[in-house]
C-alpha atoms as a PDB file:
ATOM      1  CA  MET A   1     -40.076  -4.622   3.021  1.00  0.00           C
ATOM      2  CA  THR A   2     -41.277  -2.111   5.595  1.00  0.00           C
ATOM      3  CA  ASP A   3     -43.065   1.210   5.912  1.00  0.00           C
ATOM      4  CA  LEU A   4     -40.961   2.263   8.897  1.00  0.00           C
ATOM      5  CA  THR A   5     -39.147   5.591   8.735  1.00  0.00           C
ATOM      6  CA  PRO A   6     -35.473   4.798   8.151  1.00  0.00           C
ATOM      7  CA  ALA A   7     -32.477   6.249   9.963  1.00  0.00           C
ATOM      8  CA  HIS A   8     -29.332   6.300   7.807  1.00  0.00           C
ATOM      9  CA  THR A   9     -27.335   8.782   9.888  1.00  0.00           C
ATOM     10  CA  ILE A  10     -25.939   9.040  13.418  1.00  0.00           C
ATOM     11  CA  LYS A  11     -25.420  12.395  15.121  1.00  0.00           C
ATOM     12  CA  ARG A  12     -22.791  12.164  17.852  1.00  0.00           C
ATOM     13  CA  SER A  13     -23.361  13.455  21.364  1.00  0.00           C
ATOM     14  CA  GLY A  14     -22.782  17.208  21.561  1.00  0.00           C
ATOM     15  CA  HIS A  15     -23.430  17.726  17.832  1.00  0.00           C
ATOM     16  CA  TRP A  16     -27.203  17.902  17.863  1.00  0.00           C
ATOM     17  CA  ASP A  17     -30.129  19.185  19.947  1.00  0.00           C
ATOM     18  CA  ASP A  18     -33.901  18.926  20.236  1.00  0.00           C
ATOM     19  CA  ALA A  19     -34.633  15.197  20.120  1.00  0.00           C
ATOM     20  CA  HIS A  20     -38.105  14.190  18.963  1.00  0.00           C
ATOM     21  CA  ASP A  21     -38.008  10.984  21.056  1.00  0.00           C
ATOM     22  CA  SER A  22     -35.562   8.571  22.662  1.00  0.00           C
ATOM     23  CA  CYS A  23     -34.573   4.927  22.391  1.00  0.00           C
ATOM     24  CA  VAL A  24     -33.250   2.970  25.390  1.00  0.00           C
ATOM     25  CA  LEU A  25     -30.596   0.398  24.454  1.00  0.00           C
ATOM     26  CA  THR A  26     -28.167  -1.839  26.341  1.00  0.00           C
ATOM     27  CA  TYR A  27     -24.446  -1.760  25.583  1.00  0.00           C
ATOM     28  CA  ASP A  28     -24.748  -4.783  23.271  1.00  0.00           C
ATOM     29  CA  GLU A  29     -27.798  -3.309  21.531  1.00  0.00           C
ATOM     30  CA  ARG A  30     -25.844  -0.097  20.845  1.00  0.00           C
ATOM     31  CA  PHE A  31     -23.642  -1.965  18.335  1.00  0.00           C
ATOM     32  CA  LEU A  32     -25.658  -2.252  15.142  1.00  0.00           C
ATOM     33  CA  ARG A  33     -25.974  -1.660  11.429  1.00  0.00           C
ATOM     34  CA  ARG A  34     -29.519  -2.647  10.495  1.00  0.00           C
ATOM     35  CA  LYS A  35     -32.306  -3.225  12.980  1.00  0.00           C
ATOM     36  CA  ARG A  36     -35.917  -2.303  13.726  1.00  0.00           C
ATOM     37  CA  LEU A  37     -36.150  -0.313  16.964  1.00  0.00           C
ATOM     38  CA  LEU A  38     -38.889   1.229  19.078  1.00  0.00           C
ATOM     39  CA  THR A  39     -38.747   4.643  20.703  1.00  0.00           C
ATOM     40  CA  ALA A  40     -39.799   5.350  24.282  1.00  0.00           C
ATOM     41  CA  HIS A  41     -43.171   6.431  22.826  1.00  0.00           C
ATOM     42  CA  ASN A  42     -43.551   3.160  20.888  1.00  0.00           C
ATOM     43  CA  GLN A  43     -42.736   4.602  17.441  1.00  0.00           C
ATOM     44  CA  GLY A  44     -41.050   2.020  15.247  1.00  0.00           C
ATOM     45  CA  PHE A  45     -38.175   3.001  12.981  1.00  0.00           C
ATOM     46  CA  LEU A  46     -35.570   1.182  10.933  1.00  0.00           C
ATOM     47  CA  VAL A  47     -31.865   1.745  11.529  1.00  0.00           C
ATOM     48  CA  ASP A  48     -30.146   1.176   8.184  1.00  0.00           C
ATOM     49  CA  LEU A  49     -26.562   2.407   8.398  1.00  0.00           C
ATOM     50  CA  PRO A  50     -23.847   2.015   5.738  1.00  0.00           C
ATOM     51  CA  HIS A  51     -21.712   0.001   8.188  1.00  0.00           C
ATOM     52  CA  THR A  52     -21.854  -1.257  11.770  1.00  0.00           C
ATOM     53  CA  GLU A  53     -21.637   1.538  14.339  1.00  0.00           C
ATOM     54  CA  SER A  54     -20.930   1.655  18.044  1.00  0.00           C
ATOM     55  CA  LEU A  55     -23.369   4.116  19.594  1.00  0.00           C
ATOM     56  CA  ASN A  56     -22.867   5.975  22.841  1.00  0.00           C
ATOM     57  CA  HIS A  57     -25.293   7.350  25.391  1.00  0.00           C
ATOM     58  CA  GLY A  58     -26.303  10.771  24.050  1.00  0.00           C
ATOM     59  CA  ASP A  59     -25.857  10.004  20.360  1.00  0.00           C
ATOM     60  CA  ALA A  60     -28.940  10.289  18.122  1.00  0.00           C
ATOM     61  CA  PHE A  61     -30.386   8.524  15.124  1.00  0.00           C
ATOM     62  CA  GLN A  62     -31.422  10.996  12.435  1.00  0.00           C
ATOM     63  CA  LEU A  63     -34.544   9.764  10.717  1.00  0.00           C
ATOM     64  CA  GLU A  64     -35.050  10.335   7.013  1.00  0.00           C
ATOM     65  CA  ASP A  65     -37.695  12.957   7.866  1.00  0.00           C
ATOM     66  CA  GLY A  66     -35.085  14.895   9.914  1.00  0.00           C
ATOM     67  CA  LYS A  67     -36.371  13.976  13.384  1.00  0.00           C
ATOM     68  CA  LEU A  68     -33.791  12.926  15.969  1.00  0.00           C
ATOM     69  CA  ILE A  69     -34.102   9.919  18.278  1.00  0.00           C
ATOM     70  CA  GLU A  70     -31.754  10.160  21.277  1.00  0.00           C
ATOM     71  CA  VAL A  71     -29.863   7.043  22.358  1.00  0.00           C
ATOM     72  CA  ILE A  72     -30.168   6.396  26.111  1.00  0.00           C
ATOM     73  CA  ALA A  73     -28.009   3.758  27.835  1.00  0.00           C
ATOM     74  CA  ALA A  74     -30.315   1.196  29.459  1.00  0.00           C
ATOM     75  CA  GLU A  75     -29.860  -0.098  32.974  1.00  0.00           C
ATOM     76  CA  GLU A  76     -28.354  -3.573  32.906  1.00  0.00           C
ATOM     77  CA  ALA A  77     -26.837  -6.126  35.270  1.00  0.00           C
ATOM     78  CA  LEU A  78     -23.232  -5.094  35.928  1.00  0.00           C
ATOM     79  CA  LEU A  79     -20.396  -5.949  38.253  1.00  0.00           C
ATOM     80  CA  GLU A  80     -19.034  -3.088  40.359  1.00  0.00           C
ATOM     81  CA  ILE A  81     -15.347  -3.442  41.243  1.00  0.00           C
ATOM     82  CA  THR A  82     -13.647  -1.552  44.038  1.00  0.00           C
ATOM     83  CA  GLY A  83     -10.493  -2.223  45.957  1.00  0.00           C
ATOM     84  CA  GLU A  84      -7.164  -0.988  47.209  1.00  0.00           C
ATOM     85  CA  ASP A  85      -5.360  -1.315  43.858  1.00  0.00           C
ATOM     86  CA  LEU A  86      -7.925  -0.226  41.283  1.00  0.00           C
ATOM     87  CA  VAL A  87      -5.255   0.453  38.649  1.00  0.00           C
ATOM     88  CA  ARG A  88      -3.990  -3.140  38.874  1.00  0.00           C
ATOM     89  CA  LEU A  89      -7.554  -4.482  38.674  1.00  0.00           C
ATOM     90  CA  ALA A  90      -8.236  -2.292  35.629  1.00  0.00           C
ATOM     91  CA  TRP A  91      -5.106  -3.658  33.965  1.00  0.00           C
ATOM     92  CA  HIS A  92      -6.309  -7.255  34.413  1.00  0.00           C
ATOM     93  CA  ILE A  93      -9.752  -6.369  33.021  1.00  0.00           C
ATOM     94  CA  GLY A  94      -8.183  -4.640  30.014  1.00  0.00           C
ATOM     95  CA  ASN A  95      -5.803  -7.535  29.465  1.00  0.00           C
ATOM     96  CA  ARG A  96      -8.887  -9.709  28.924  1.00  0.00           C
ATOM     97  CA  HIS A  97     -10.397  -7.181  26.484  1.00  0.00           C
ATOM     98  CA  CYS A  98     -13.497  -6.616  28.618  1.00  0.00           C
ATOM     99  CA  PRO A  99     -15.363  -3.365  28.094  1.00  0.00           C
ATOM    100  CA  CYS A 100     -14.955  -1.329  31.277  1.00  0.00           C
ATOM    101  CA  GLN A 101     -16.494   1.847  32.646  1.00  0.00           C
ATOM    102  CA  VAL A 102     -13.714   3.623  34.534  1.00  0.00           C
ATOM    103  CA  GLU A 103     -14.577   5.966  37.389  1.00  0.00           C
ATOM    104  CA  PRO A 104     -12.334   7.491  40.080  1.00  0.00           C
ATOM    105  CA  THR A 105     -13.406   5.062  42.827  1.00  0.00           C
ATOM    106  CA  ARG A 106     -14.774   2.056  40.940  1.00  0.00           C
ATOM    107  CA  LEU A 107     -14.889   0.070  37.728  1.00  0.00           C
ATOM    108  CA  LEU A 108     -17.995  -1.384  36.070  1.00  0.00           C
ATOM    109  CA  ILE A 109     -18.045  -4.364  33.721  1.00  0.00           C
ATOM    110  CA  GLN A 110     -20.651  -6.701  32.299  1.00  0.00           C
ATOM    111  CA  ASN A 111     -21.277  -9.545  34.676  1.00  0.00           C
ATOM    112  CA  ASP A 112     -19.079 -12.522  33.747  1.00  0.00           C
ATOM    113  CA  HIS A 113     -18.469 -15.383  36.184  1.00  0.00           C
ATOM    114  CA  VAL A 114     -14.919 -16.064  34.947  1.00  0.00           C
ATOM    115  CA  ILE A 115     -13.823 -12.427  35.304  1.00  0.00           C
ATOM    116  CA  ARG A 116     -15.654 -12.208  38.648  1.00  0.00           C
ATOM    117  CA  ASP A 117     -13.702 -15.201  39.949  1.00  0.00           C
ATOM    118  CA  MET A 118     -10.388 -13.759  38.728  1.00  0.00           C
ATOM    119  CA  LEU A 119     -11.069 -10.363  40.321  1.00  0.00           C
ATOM    120  CA  GLY A 120     -12.087 -11.979  43.602  1.00  0.00           C
ATOM    121  CA  LYS A 121      -8.786 -13.877  43.682  1.00  0.00           C
ATOM    122  CA  LEU A 122      -6.978 -10.564  43.072  1.00  0.00           C
ATOM    123  CA  GLY A 123      -8.596  -9.072  46.178  1.00  0.00           C
ATOM    124  CA  ALA A 124     -11.293  -6.935  44.556  1.00  0.00           C
ATOM    125  CA  THR A 125     -14.479  -6.039  46.365  1.00  0.00           C
ATOM    126  CA  LEU A 126     -17.349  -7.037  44.064  1.00  0.00           C
ATOM    127  CA  ARG A 127     -20.999  -6.034  44.048  1.00  0.00           C
ATOM    128  CA  ASP A 128     -23.850  -6.685  41.618  1.00  0.00           C
ATOM    129  CA  VAL A 129     -25.498  -3.461  40.427  1.00  0.00           C
ATOM    130  CA  SER A 130     -28.067  -2.437  37.828  1.00  0.00           C
ATOM    131  CA  GLU A 131     -27.026   0.759  36.037  1.00  0.00           C
ATOM    132  CA  PRO A 132     -26.486   2.178  32.554  1.00  0.00           C
ATOM    133  CA  PHE A 133     -23.210   0.858  31.105  1.00  0.00           C
ATOM    134  CA  ILE A 134     -21.033   3.467  29.405  1.00  0.00           C
ATOM    135  CA  PRO A 135     -17.565   1.917  29.010  1.00  0.00           C
ATOM    136  CA  GLU A 136     -14.446   3.609  27.720  1.00  0.00           C
ATOM    137  CA  GLY A 137     -14.051   3.757  23.943  1.00  0.00           C
ATOM    138  CA  GLY A 138     -11.453   1.922  21.904  1.00  0.00           C
ATOM    139  CA  ALA A 139      -7.727   2.493  21.989  1.00  0.00           C
ATOM    140  CA  TYR A 140      -8.050   5.582  19.788  1.00  0.00           C
ATOM    141  CA  GLY A 141     -10.878   7.185  21.790  1.00  0.00           C
ATOM    142  CA  HIS A 142     -13.899   5.940  19.877  1.00  0.00           C
ATOM    143  CA  GLY A 143     -15.707   2.755  19.058  1.00  0.00           C
ATOM    144  CA  ARG A 144     -15.349  -0.568  20.781  1.00  0.00           C
ATOM    145  CA  THR A 145     -12.345  -2.440  22.007  1.00  0.00           C
ATOM    146  CA  HIS A 146     -11.972  -5.712  20.146  1.00  0.00           C
ATOM    147  CA  SER A 147      -9.619  -8.646  20.464  1.00  0.00           C
ATOM    148  CA  HIS A 148      -6.289  -8.758  18.675  1.00  0.00           C
ATOM    149  CA  ALA A 149      -7.726 -11.109  16.036  1.00  0.00           C
ATOM    150  CA  HIS A 150      -7.833  -9.418  12.619  1.00  0.00           C
END
């Protein structure tokens, strides 16, 4: 089907060094199993993993030839949330199963008009920003948070 070098393995952040190249991906693009990608230097490669993976900033694809391609979180349109009761705001975001980047003085989420409206009514200060999105992992410290549907 293709003559692209395949990547069948992921090396997690902190468990590899010396990347050959990098690949800039949004949060949604970092959830994949099989996809053709381009590196920052325009080298095509084929991700072909045994099952769907959630990749984090700093992880790396290991190509079949042994080279490593670092995963970089892309800048994307986000909603910055600040306010007097950040813990309460975080609870409401989590209750709606929205991925959320938690920092000491602010929260970041993907821009969603329904959640924006809710947070505004709860007294949050909201600001549109463009930054890499690196939300908290799932309930057990890795992967993505999904709905309760099974």
